[in-house]
Amino acid sequence: MIVRPKPNLIGVLTSLKGSIAKRIALRSLMVTLLASAIVLAETLHPSYFSKVSATPFTLLGLSLSIFMSFRNNACYDRWYEARKAWGDVIVAIRSMIRETQVIKDVGERRTLLSNLCGFAHALNARLRKENELAASGEWLQPLPNAGTQDIGGQVLLRVGQHCSALSESGAINDWRYTLMANHLTSLTHAQAVCERIKNTPLPFPYTLLLHRTIYLFCILLPFAMAEPLGWLTPIFTAIVSYTFFGLDAIADELEDPFGRDENDLPTDAIVRGIERDVLSAMGATELPPQLEPVDFVLS
C-alpha cells in the first residue's frame, strides 16, 4: 500500500511510485503512435476522413465511463472488505489477549496466544499462495502435520479445543469460555471472507468485455479526431488512453488485494502489529519493530 504525504502539483505530475503509469506506458505509447499515423494519413488523403463523425464515440465514451465506474467500484469494494476482514482479525485476537488474562498458568496462556499469532501468519501466507507452515511454524505449538491443507483452520480448531479444556478444568468460567468461542468464530468468519475474495474473481466475461471495448475505443478514436484537431489528436489520444487504460489497470490491482503489488493491502505490517500485541501480552520486553514504508510502499 502506498503511504506518502499528499503531493504538490509537481509531485502529481512526476510521481511514479504507486502510479499505474509504468504498467500502461507501452499501451498508451502504441495508441499515440497509431494516432500520429492516422493524422498523417488524414493530412495526405483528407477525403477519406470527411464522413467520419465523432458522435458515436461520444456515446460510446459515456457508456464506457459508466461501465468502468461500476467495475472499479466493485474492485474497490473487494479491497475495502478485505481490509475490514483483517480489522476483524485484529479485534478478535486483541479480545482473546484480554480474555486470557485470567488464566493463571503462564505456559497455557503463552501457548494459546502463540497459536493465535501463528494463525495470522498462516492466513497471510495462504492468501498469498505461499507456504503456510514456513510462515507460521515458529509460533505453533505443536506443529501441525506437513500435509495439512488449511493450517489456519487447524490452528483455530486446536485453540478451540484448548479453550474447552480450560473451561472443563475450571481455569476459566463458562461465561468467559463463551466469549472466547465467539472471538474464535469471528476469526473463522474473517478467514472465510478473505478466502471468498481471493478465490472468487470478478466474472471473466465482464472483465474481457471491458478490456476489448477500451482497446477498440482508443484505437478508433483518432479516426474521429484527426480532421477537426489535426496534430493535436495524438495528445488528446494519449490523455484518453492514459485515463481508460489506467482505470482498467487500477481495477486489476484492487481485484486481488492480497498480493504484493504496490497498491495491495499491507498485510505484512498488519501481522507484525498482531505479533507485537501478542509478544507484549506474553511479557516480552524487546518487540520486533513496526514495519515502515520502504520507498513509500508499506508491505
Protein backbone atom coordinates (compact mmCIF):
# COMPACT_ATOMS: atom_id res chain seq x y z
CA MET A 1 0.00 0.00 0.00
CA ILE A 2 1.29 3.46 -0.86
CA VAL A 3 1.90 5.63 2.20
CA ARG A 4 3.10 9.12 1.42
CA PRO A 5 2.20 12.77 2.04
CA LYS A 6 -0.21 14.40 -0.35
CA PRO A 7 1.97 15.52 -3.29
CA ASN A 8 2.06 19.08 -4.59
CA LEU A 9 1.44 19.96 -8.24
CA ILE A 10 4.94 18.95 -9.31
CA GLY A 11 4.64 15.69 -7.39
CA VAL A 12 1.30 14.93 -9.00
CA LEU A 13 2.87 15.29 -12.43
CA THR A 14 6.12 13.43 -11.72
CA SER A 15 5.33 10.72 -9.11
CA LEU A 16 5.71 7.19 -10.42
CA LYS A 17 5.72 5.14 -7.20
CA GLY A 18 2.23 3.77 -6.76
CA SER A 19 1.17 5.06 -10.14
CA ILE A 20 0.00 2.72 -12.87
CA ALA A 21 1.86 4.77 -15.49
CA LYS A 22 4.63 2.19 -15.84
CA ARG A 23 2.13 -0.63 -16.40
CA ILE A 24 0.26 1.13 -19.17
CA ALA A 25 3.09 3.14 -20.73
CA LEU A 26 3.61 0.77 -23.67
CA ARG A 27 -0.10 0.55 -24.49
CA SER A 28 -0.56 4.31 -24.33
CA LEU A 29 2.54 4.86 -26.46
CA MET A 30 1.34 2.44 -29.14
CA VAL A 31 -2.07 4.12 -29.32
CA THR A 32 -0.43 7.55 -29.51
CA LEU A 33 1.84 6.43 -32.36
CA LEU A 34 -1.18 5.00 -34.15
CA ALA A 35 -2.95 8.32 -33.73
CA SER A 36 0.04 10.11 -35.27
CA ALA A 37 -0.03 7.75 -38.24
CA ILE A 38 -3.77 8.36 -38.71
CA VAL A 39 -3.27 12.14 -38.62
CA LEU A 40 -0.54 11.80 -41.23
CA ALA A 41 -2.87 9.75 -43.42
CA GLU A 42 -5.60 12.37 -42.98
CA THR A 43 -3.19 15.11 -43.99
CA LEU A 44 -2.25 13.27 -47.17
CA HIS A 45 -5.75 12.00 -48.01
CA PRO A 46 -8.35 14.25 -46.30
CA SER A 47 -11.22 12.89 -48.39
CA TYR A 48 -11.04 9.55 -46.61
CA PHE A 49 -11.96 11.17 -43.28
CA SER A 50 -14.58 13.70 -44.38
CA LYS A 51 -17.53 11.49 -43.40
CA VAL A 52 -16.20 10.28 -40.05
CA SER A 53 -18.35 11.65 -37.21
CA ALA A 54 -17.40 11.98 -33.55
CA THR A 55 -20.96 11.43 -32.32
CA PRO A 56 -20.74 7.62 -31.98
CA PHE A 57 -17.53 7.98 -29.97
CA THR A 58 -19.19 10.46 -27.62
CA LEU A 59 -21.95 7.98 -26.87
CA LEU A 60 -19.54 5.05 -26.61
CA GLY A 61 -17.19 7.02 -24.35
CA LEU A 62 -20.03 7.91 -22.00
CA SER A 63 -21.24 4.30 -21.84
CA LEU A 64 -17.68 3.05 -21.33
CA SER A 65 -17.09 5.51 -18.48
CA ILE A 66 -20.23 4.30 -16.67
CA PHE A 67 -19.26 0.67 -17.27
CA MET A 68 -15.73 1.24 -15.90
CA SER A 69 -17.14 3.07 -12.89
CA PHE A 70 -19.21 0.01 -11.96
CA ARG A 71 -16.19 -2.30 -12.29
CA ASN A 72 -13.86 -0.04 -10.33
CA ASN A 73 -16.42 0.30 -7.56
CA ALA A 74 -16.77 -3.49 -7.42
CA CYS A 75 -12.98 -3.93 -7.20
CA TYR A 76 -12.64 -1.24 -4.53
CA ASP A 77 -15.40 -2.92 -2.52
CA ARG A 78 -13.34 -6.12 -2.57
CA TRP A 79 -10.24 -4.22 -1.40
CA TYR A 80 -12.09 -2.46 1.41
CA GLU A 81 -13.95 -5.59 2.52
CA ALA A 82 -10.63 -7.41 2.75
CA ARG A 83 -9.24 -4.61 4.92
CA LYS A 84 -12.29 -4.83 7.19
CA ALA A 85 -11.80 -8.59 7.50
CA TRP A 86 -8.21 -8.08 8.64
CA GLY A 87 -9.50 -5.48 11.07
CA ASP A 88 -11.80 -8.15 12.49
CA VAL A 89 -8.78 -10.42 12.92
CA ILE A 90 -7.01 -7.71 14.93
CA VAL A 91 -10.07 -7.09 17.12
CA ALA A 92 -10.64 -10.79 17.80
CA ILE A 93 -7.01 -11.51 18.72
CA ARG A 94 -6.78 -8.45 20.97
CA SER A 95 -10.01 -9.56 22.64
CA MET A 96 -8.55 -13.03 23.18
CA ILE A 97 -5.48 -11.42 24.75
CA ARG A 98 -7.75 -9.60 27.19
CA GLU A 99 -9.91 -12.63 27.97
CA THR A 100 -6.92 -14.90 28.65
CA GLN A 101 -5.55 -12.65 31.39
CA VAL A 102 -7.49 -14.73 33.94
CA ILE A 103 -5.53 -17.88 33.04
CA LYS A 104 -3.11 -18.34 35.93
CA ASP A 105 -0.92 -20.91 34.17
CA VAL A 106 1.54 -18.77 32.22
CA GLY A 107 2.54 -21.63 29.97
CA GLU A 108 -1.07 -22.36 29.00
CA ARG A 109 -1.68 -18.72 28.12
CA ARG A 110 1.54 -18.42 26.13
CA THR A 111 0.66 -21.50 24.09
CA LEU A 112 -2.82 -20.20 23.31
CA LEU A 113 -1.67 -16.71 22.30
CA SER A 114 1.28 -18.04 20.31
CA ASN A 115 -1.06 -20.22 18.27
CA LEU A 116 -3.29 -17.22 17.55
CA CYS A 117 -0.29 -15.30 16.23
CA GLY A 118 0.57 -18.33 14.13
CA PHE A 119 -2.95 -18.23 12.72
CA ALA A 120 -2.40 -14.65 11.50
CA HIS A 121 0.88 -15.64 9.82
CA ALA A 122 -0.71 -18.72 8.24
CA LEU A 123 -3.68 -16.76 6.92
CA ASN A 124 -1.39 -14.14 5.38
CA ALA A 125 0.68 -16.83 3.65
CA ARG A 126 -2.45 -18.70 2.48
CA LEU A 127 -3.90 -15.60 0.83
CA ARG A 128 -0.59 -15.00 -0.97
CA LYS A 129 -0.26 -18.63 -2.11
CA GLU A 130 2.87 -19.06 -0.01
CA ASN A 131 4.00 -21.81 2.37
CA GLU A 132 1.72 -21.57 5.41
CA LEU A 133 3.80 -23.86 7.60
CA ALA A 134 7.03 -21.99 6.87
CA ALA A 135 5.36 -18.67 7.68
CA SER A 136 3.70 -19.75 10.93
CA GLY A 137 5.76 -22.69 12.16
CA GLU A 138 7.78 -20.81 14.79
CA TRP A 139 4.57 -19.75 16.55
CA LEU A 140 2.64 -23.04 16.53
CA GLN A 141 2.73 -25.41 19.47
CA PRO A 142 2.78 -28.22 18.46
CA LEU A 143 3.42 -28.11 14.73
CA PRO A 144 0.57 -29.40 12.52
CA ASN A 145 1.16 -32.16 10.01
CA ALA A 146 3.05 -31.06 6.91
CA GLY A 147 0.21 -32.26 4.70
CA THR A 148 -2.46 -30.13 6.42
CA GLN A 149 -4.42 -28.24 3.74
CA ASP A 150 -5.69 -25.40 5.93
CA ILE A 151 -3.23 -24.65 8.70
CA GLY A 152 -5.12 -21.55 9.85
CA GLY A 153 -8.36 -23.51 10.25
CA GLN A 154 -6.48 -26.30 12.04
CA VAL A 155 -4.96 -23.77 14.43
CA LEU A 156 -8.39 -22.33 15.29
CA LEU A 157 -9.70 -25.85 15.90
CA ARG A 158 -6.80 -26.53 18.24
CA VAL A 159 -7.27 -23.24 20.09
CA GLY A 160 -10.97 -24.02 20.48
CA GLN A 161 -10.14 -27.41 21.98
CA HIS A 162 -7.62 -25.74 24.29
CA CYS A 163 -10.25 -23.25 25.50
CA SER A 164 -12.72 -26.09 26.05
CA ALA A 165 -10.16 -27.95 28.14
CA LEU A 166 -9.51 -24.83 30.21
CA SER A 167 -13.23 -24.47 30.82
CA GLU A 168 -13.59 -28.11 31.90
CA SER A 169 -10.64 -27.79 34.28
CA GLY A 170 -12.07 -24.64 35.86
CA ALA A 171 -9.27 -22.36 34.67
CA ILE A 172 -11.91 -20.19 33.02
CA ASN A 173 -15.63 -19.99 33.75
CA ASP A 174 -18.37 -20.85 31.29
CA TRP A 175 -19.19 -17.21 30.60
CA ARG A 176 -15.60 -16.42 29.62
CA TYR A 177 -15.37 -19.59 27.55
CA THR A 178 -18.44 -18.44 25.60
CA LEU A 179 -16.79 -15.07 24.90
CA MET A 180 -13.59 -16.76 23.73
CA ALA A 181 -15.56 -19.12 21.50
CA ASN A 182 -17.29 -16.10 19.93
CA HIS A 183 -13.92 -14.50 19.21
CA LEU A 184 -12.75 -17.69 17.51
CA THR A 185 -15.93 -17.63 15.43
CA SER A 186 -15.05 -14.08 14.37
CA LEU A 187 -11.61 -15.29 13.25
CA THR A 188 -13.20 -18.11 11.27
CA HIS A 189 -15.59 -15.65 9.63
CA ALA A 190 -12.74 -13.26 8.73
CA GLN A 191 -10.76 -16.12 7.19
CA ALA A 192 -13.78 -17.20 5.16
CA VAL A 193 -14.34 -13.63 3.90
CA CYS A 194 -10.71 -13.33 2.81
CA GLU A 195 -10.80 -16.73 1.08
CA ARG A 196 -14.03 -15.79 -0.70
CA ILE A 197 -12.44 -12.61 -2.04
CA LYS A 198 -9.25 -14.45 -3.02
CA ASN A 199 -10.94 -17.39 -4.73
CA THR A 200 -13.83 -15.57 -6.43
CA PRO A 201 -12.61 -13.07 -9.02
CA LEU A 202 -14.94 -10.85 -10.97
CA PRO A 203 -16.71 -12.76 -13.77
CA PHE A 204 -14.23 -13.15 -16.64
CA PRO A 205 -16.67 -12.23 -19.47
CA TYR A 206 -17.41 -8.99 -17.63
CA THR A 207 -13.70 -8.10 -17.48
CA LEU A 208 -12.99 -9.32 -21.01
CA LEU A 209 -15.79 -7.21 -22.49
CA LEU A 210 -14.41 -4.11 -20.80
CA HIS A 211 -10.83 -4.80 -21.97
CA ARG A 212 -11.95 -5.25 -25.58
CA THR A 213 -14.15 -2.15 -25.56
CA ILE A 214 -11.35 0.02 -24.15
CA TYR A 215 -8.92 -1.12 -26.84
CA LEU A 216 -11.46 -0.62 -29.62
CA PHE A 217 -12.37 2.84 -28.36
CA CYS A 218 -8.75 4.04 -28.03
CA ILE A 219 -7.77 2.62 -31.43
CA LEU A 220 -10.75 4.04 -33.32
CA LEU A 221 -10.92 7.42 -31.55
CA PRO A 222 -8.14 9.07 -33.65
CA PHE A 223 -10.17 8.49 -36.82
CA ALA A 224 -12.86 10.84 -35.47
CA MET A 225 -10.41 13.38 -34.05
CA ALA A 226 -7.94 13.56 -36.95
CA GLU A 227 -9.89 16.01 -39.14
CA PRO A 228 -11.10 18.56 -36.53
CA LEU A 229 -8.00 18.50 -34.29
CA GLY A 230 -5.15 17.74 -36.68
CA TRP A 231 -1.84 17.20 -34.91
CA LEU A 232 -3.44 17.77 -31.52
CA THR A 233 -5.04 14.36 -31.97
CA PRO A 234 -2.06 12.33 -30.60
CA ILE A 235 -2.02 14.49 -27.47
CA PHE A 236 -5.71 14.03 -26.71
CA THR A 237 -5.49 10.35 -27.62
CA ALA A 238 -2.65 9.91 -25.14
CA ILE A 239 -4.71 11.56 -22.40
CA VAL A 240 -7.79 9.46 -23.12
CA SER A 241 -5.82 6.22 -23.35
CA TYR A 242 -3.95 7.01 -20.12
CA THR A 243 -7.28 7.55 -18.34
CA PHE A 244 -9.04 4.44 -19.63
CA PHE A 245 -6.04 2.09 -19.51
CA GLY A 246 -5.15 3.48 -16.08
CA LEU A 247 -8.59 2.91 -14.57
CA ASP A 248 -8.56 -0.59 -16.02
CA ALA A 249 -5.13 -1.34 -14.51
CA ILE A 250 -6.12 0.05 -11.11
CA ALA A 251 -9.17 -2.22 -11.06
CA ASP A 252 -6.95 -5.21 -11.88
CA GLU A 253 -4.73 -4.43 -8.87
CA LEU A 254 -7.60 -3.88 -6.45
CA GLU A 255 -9.42 -7.03 -7.56
CA ASP A 256 -6.88 -9.16 -5.66
CA PRO A 257 -5.90 -7.12 -2.57
CA PHE A 258 -3.70 -9.80 -1.00
CA GLY A 259 -0.72 -9.84 -3.37
CA ARG A 260 2.49 -7.85 -3.37
CA ASP A 261 1.54 -5.10 -5.79
CA GLU A 262 2.23 -1.56 -4.62
CA ASN A 263 -1.47 -0.84 -4.03
CA ASP A 264 -2.33 -4.11 -2.28
CA LEU A 265 -3.14 -4.33 1.43
CA PRO A 266 -0.18 -4.10 3.84
CA THR A 267 -0.89 -7.48 5.40
CA ASP A 268 2.75 -7.98 6.47
CA ALA A 269 2.51 -4.80 8.54
CA ILE A 270 -0.86 -5.90 9.97
CA VAL A 271 0.55 -9.28 11.00
CA ARG A 272 3.59 -7.58 12.53
CA GLY A 273 1.24 -5.45 14.64
CA ILE A 274 -0.55 -8.60 15.84
CA GLU A 275 2.81 -10.16 16.62
CA ARG A 276 3.80 -7.15 18.75
CA ASP A 277 0.48 -7.30 20.65
CA VAL A 278 0.91 -11.00 21.40
CA LEU A 279 4.54 -10.68 22.48
CA SER A 280 3.69 -7.73 24.70
CA ALA A 281 0.93 -9.77 26.34
CA MET A 282 3.45 -12.56 26.94
CA GLY A 283 5.67 -10.13 28.82
CA ALA A 284 8.36 -9.64 26.17
CA THR A 285 10.40 -6.50 26.67
CA GLU A 286 12.01 -6.37 23.24
CA LEU A 287 9.41 -6.26 20.48
CA PRO A 288 10.10 -6.52 16.75
CA PRO A 289 9.95 -3.08 15.12
CA GLN A 290 6.84 -2.00 13.32
CA LEU A 291 7.17 -2.25 9.56
CA GLU A 292 7.73 1.12 7.91
CA PRO A 293 7.14 2.12 4.28
CA VAL A 294 10.10 1.46 2.00
CA ASP A 295 10.18 3.99 -0.81
CA PHE A 296 6.57 4.90 0.11
CA VAL A 297 5.43 1.24 -0.08
CA LEU A 298 4.12 -0.49 3.07
CA SER A 299 4.00 -4.23 2.51
